[in-house]
C-alpha atoms as a PDB file:
ATOM      1  CA  UNK A   1      15.346  20.887  16.247  1.00  0.00           C
ATOM      2  CA  UNK A   2      14.592  18.613  13.330  1.00  0.00           C
ATOM      3  CA  UNK A   3      11.964  15.982  14.050  1.00  0.00           C
ATOM      4  CA  UNK A   4      10.575  13.311  11.779  1.00  0.00           C
ATOM      5  CA  UNK A   5       7.599  11.234  12.879  1.00  0.00           C
ATOM      6  CA  UNK A   6       6.406   8.276  10.829  1.00  0.00           C
ATOM      7  CA  UNK A   7       2.937   6.779  10.935  1.00  0.00           C
ATOM      8  CA  UNK A   8       0.762   4.346   9.038  1.00  0.00           C
ATOM      9  CA  UNK A   9       2.520   1.043   9.587  1.00  0.00           C
ATOM     10  CA  UNK A  10       0.710  -2.131  10.486  1.00  0.00           C
ATOM     11  CA  UNK A  11      -0.183  -5.644   9.451  1.00  0.00           C
ATOM     12  CA  UNK A  12      -1.305  -6.196   5.880  1.00  0.00           C
ATOM     13  CA  UNK A  13      -1.975  -9.307   3.834  1.00  0.00           C
ATOM     14  CA  UNK A  14       0.137 -10.189   0.795  1.00  0.00           C
ATOM     15  CA  UNK A  15      -1.087  -8.271  -2.210  1.00  0.00           C
ATOM     16  CA  UNK A  16      -2.459  -5.505  -0.038  1.00  0.00           C
ATOM     17  CA  UNK A  17      -1.688  -1.807   0.179  1.00  0.00           C
ATOM     18  CA  UNK A  18      -0.566   0.565   2.870  1.00  0.00           C
ATOM     19  CA  UNK A  19       0.251   4.259   3.041  1.00  0.00           C
ATOM     20  CA  UNK A  20       2.990   5.593   5.272  1.00  0.00           C
ATOM     21  CA  UNK A  21       3.360   9.228   6.241  1.00  0.00           C
ATOM     22  CA  UNK A  22       6.179  11.217   7.765  1.00  0.00           C
ATOM     23  CA  UNK A  23       5.580  14.567   9.427  1.00  0.00           C
ATOM     24  CA  UNK A  24       8.570  16.878   9.564  1.00  0.00           C
ATOM     25  CA  UNK A  25       9.200  19.832  11.845  1.00  0.00           C
ATOM     26  CA  UNK A  26      12.112  22.115  12.606  1.00  0.00           C
ATOM     27  CA  UNK A  27      13.090  22.610   8.970  1.00  0.00           C
ATOM     28  CA  UNK A  28      11.932  24.589   5.963  1.00  0.00           C
ATOM     29  CA  UNK A  29      10.491  21.418   4.538  1.00  0.00           C
ATOM     30  CA  UNK A  30      10.288  22.504   0.911  1.00  0.00           C
ATOM     31  CA  UNK A  31      14.043  23.045   0.776  1.00  0.00           C
ATOM     32  CA  UNK A  32      15.050  19.458   1.435  1.00  0.00           C
ATOM     33  CA  UNK A  33      15.006  16.082  -0.214  1.00  0.00           C
ATOM     34  CA  UNK A  34      13.194  13.418   1.770  1.00  0.00           C
ATOM     35  CA  UNK A  35      13.657   9.683   1.710  1.00  0.00           C
ATOM     36  CA  UNK A  36      12.188   6.437   2.959  1.00  0.00           C
ATOM     37  CA  UNK A  37      14.464   3.645   4.101  1.00  0.00           C
ATOM     38  CA  UNK A  38      13.639   0.247   5.494  1.00  0.00           C
ATOM     39  CA  UNK A  39      15.362  -2.349   7.598  1.00  0.00           C
ATOM     40  CA  UNK A  40      14.205  -5.938   7.599  1.00  0.00           C
ATOM     41  CA  UNK A  41      15.140  -8.313  10.413  1.00  0.00           C
ATOM     42  CA  UNK A  42      18.756  -9.372  10.101  1.00  0.00           C
ATOM     43  CA  UNK A  43      19.401  -7.083   7.146  1.00  0.00           C
ATOM     44  CA  UNK A  44      21.013  -3.719   6.599  1.00  0.00           C
ATOM     45  CA  UNK A  45      18.978  -0.578   6.228  1.00  0.00           C
ATOM     46  CA  UNK A  46      18.285   0.186   2.579  1.00  0.00           C
ATOM     47  CA  UNK A  47      16.973   3.085   0.569  1.00  0.00           C
ATOM     48  CA  UNK A  48      13.421   2.553  -0.642  1.00  0.00           C
ATOM     49  CA  UNK A  49      12.559   5.853  -2.317  1.00  0.00           C
ATOM     50  CA  UNK A  50      13.654   9.455  -2.392  1.00  0.00           C
ATOM     51  CA  UNK A  51      12.063  12.702  -3.513  1.00  0.00           C
ATOM     52  CA  UNK A  52      13.972  15.924  -4.037  1.00  0.00           C
ATOM     53  CA  UNK A  53      12.883  19.480  -3.382  1.00  0.00           C
ATOM     54  CA  UNK A  54      12.037  19.712  -7.075  1.00  0.00           C
ATOM     55  CA  UNK A  55       9.923  16.539  -6.930  1.00  0.00           C
ATOM     56  CA  UNK A  56      12.379  14.289  -8.742  1.00  0.00           C
ATOM     57  CA  UNK A  57      12.047  10.732  -7.506  1.00  0.00           C
ATOM     58  CA  UNK A  58      14.053   7.545  -7.483  1.00  0.00           C
ATOM     59  CA  UNK A  59      13.240   4.061  -6.217  1.00  0.00           C
ATOM     60  CA  UNK A  60      14.918   0.855  -5.260  1.00  0.00           C
ATOM     61  CA  UNK A  61      14.518  -1.693  -8.001  1.00  0.00           C
ATOM     62  CA  UNK A  62      12.621  -4.036  -5.715  1.00  0.00           C
ATOM     63  CA  UNK A  63       9.812  -1.518  -5.167  1.00  0.00           C
ATOM     64  CA  UNK A  64       9.678   0.330  -8.467  1.00  0.00           C
ATOM     65  CA  UNK A  65       6.202   0.247 -10.001  1.00  0.00           C
ATOM     66  CA  UNK A  66       4.725  -0.825  -6.652  1.00  0.00           C
ATOM     67  CA  UNK A  67       5.599   2.090  -4.350  1.00  0.00           C
ATOM     68  CA  UNK A  68       5.072   5.805  -4.887  1.00  0.00           C
ATOM     69  CA  UNK A  69       6.717   8.559  -2.875  1.00  0.00           C
ATOM     70  CA  UNK A  70       5.109  11.981  -2.701  1.00  0.00           C
ATOM     71  CA  UNK A  71       5.403  15.146  -0.704  1.00  0.00           C
ATOM     72  CA  UNK A  72       3.038  17.866   0.477  1.00  0.00           C
ATOM     73  CA  UNK A  73       5.018  20.997   1.240  1.00  0.00           C
ATOM     74  CA  UNK A  74       1.966  22.740   2.645  1.00  0.00           C
ATOM     75  CA  UNK A  75       1.626  20.038   5.297  1.00  0.00           C
ATOM     76  CA  UNK A  76       5.342  19.282   5.742  1.00  0.00           C
ATOM     77  CA  UNK A  77       4.733  15.627   5.025  1.00  0.00           C
ATOM     78  CA  UNK A  78       6.208  12.966   2.805  1.00  0.00           C
ATOM     79  CA  UNK A  79       4.236   9.829   2.042  1.00  0.00           C
ATOM     80  CA  UNK A  80       4.923   6.374   0.691  1.00  0.00           C
ATOM     81  CA  UNK A  81       2.057   4.610  -1.022  1.00  0.00           C
ATOM     82  CA  UNK A  82       2.800   0.895  -1.113  1.00  0.00           C
ATOM     83  CA  UNK A  83       0.869  -1.626  -3.156  1.00  0.00           C
ATOM     84  CA  UNK A  84       1.203  -5.272  -4.144  1.00  0.00           C
ATOM     85  CA  UNK A  85       2.954  -5.867  -0.876  1.00  0.00           C
ATOM     86  CA  UNK A  86       4.715  -9.162  -0.299  1.00  0.00           C
ATOM     87  CA  UNK A  87       6.357 -10.706   2.782  1.00  0.00           C
ATOM     88  CA  UNK A  88       9.762  -9.450   1.610  1.00  0.00           C
ATOM     89  CA  UNK A  89       8.500  -5.915   2.227  1.00  0.00           C
ATOM     90  CA  UNK A  90       8.229  -6.628   5.948  1.00  0.00           C
ATOM     91  CA  UNK A  91      10.498  -4.157   7.704  1.00  0.00           C
ATOM     92  CA  UNK A  92      10.710  -1.090   9.857  1.00  0.00           C
ATOM     93  CA  UNK A  93      10.325   1.908   7.564  1.00  0.00           C
ATOM     94  CA  UNK A  94      12.213   5.093   8.372  1.00  0.00           C
ATOM     95  CA  UNK A  95      11.916   8.640   7.139  1.00  0.00           C
ATOM     96  CA  UNK A  96      15.166  10.517   6.578  1.00  0.00           C
ATOM     97  CA  UNK A  97      16.442  13.905   5.532  1.00  0.00           C
ATOM     98  CA  UNK A  98      19.826  15.583   5.464  1.00  0.00           C
ATOM     99  CA  UNK A  99      20.257  19.107   6.774  1.00  0.00           C
ATOM    100  CA  UNK A 100      23.621  20.810   6.565  1.00  0.00           C
ATOM    101  CA  UNK A 101      25.259  17.496   5.828  1.00  0.00           C
ATOM    102  CA  UNK A 102      23.808  15.837   8.899  1.00  0.00           C
ATOM    103  CA  UNK A 103      21.293  13.002   8.568  1.00  0.00           C
ATOM    104  CA  UNK A 104      18.096  13.047  10.583  1.00  0.00           C
ATOM    105  CA  UNK A 105      15.996   9.933  11.056  1.00  0.00           C
ATOM    106  CA  UNK A 106      12.582   9.211  12.396  1.00  0.00           C
ATOM    107  CA  UNK A 107      12.031   6.383  14.854  1.00  0.00           C
ATOM    108  CA  UNK A 108      10.399   4.198  12.243  1.00  0.00           C
ATOM    109  CA  UNK A 109       7.108   2.437  11.704  1.00  0.00           C
ATOM    110  CA  UNK A 110       6.735  -1.321  11.405  1.00  0.00           C
ATOM    111  CA  UNK A 111       5.174  -2.863   8.328  1.00  0.00           C
ATOM    112  CA  UNK A 112       4.363  -6.557   8.503  1.00  0.00           C
ATOM    113  CA  UNK A 113       3.146  -8.376   5.414  1.00  0.00           C
ATOM    114  CA  UNK A 114       1.673 -11.708   6.373  1.00  0.00           C
ATOM    115  CA  UNK A 115      -1.399 -13.839   5.897  1.00  0.00           C
END
């Protein structure tokens, strides 16, 4: 059974930083691409960043140069380092992977950027 559990969300001031983590179980983690999505209030869920099994990465334009996705195959975790946060980054952040063509999502972690 594939499980993804996010952690690290919280309240941060504009300009601040936060690091999210996602712990995966039930899969051979190193085989699969991992991604972070986010959903802001009243908006559709959007891709934030993705990292492949070979460590290739891609980012949404709105977060490029501010966010960094990384993975630790030894710990079965994928992380999202976020810096220069602004209120538009406020959202629930989800971890996602696809196994056998089926998407698996975590339950999400809330990030609130506010003074």
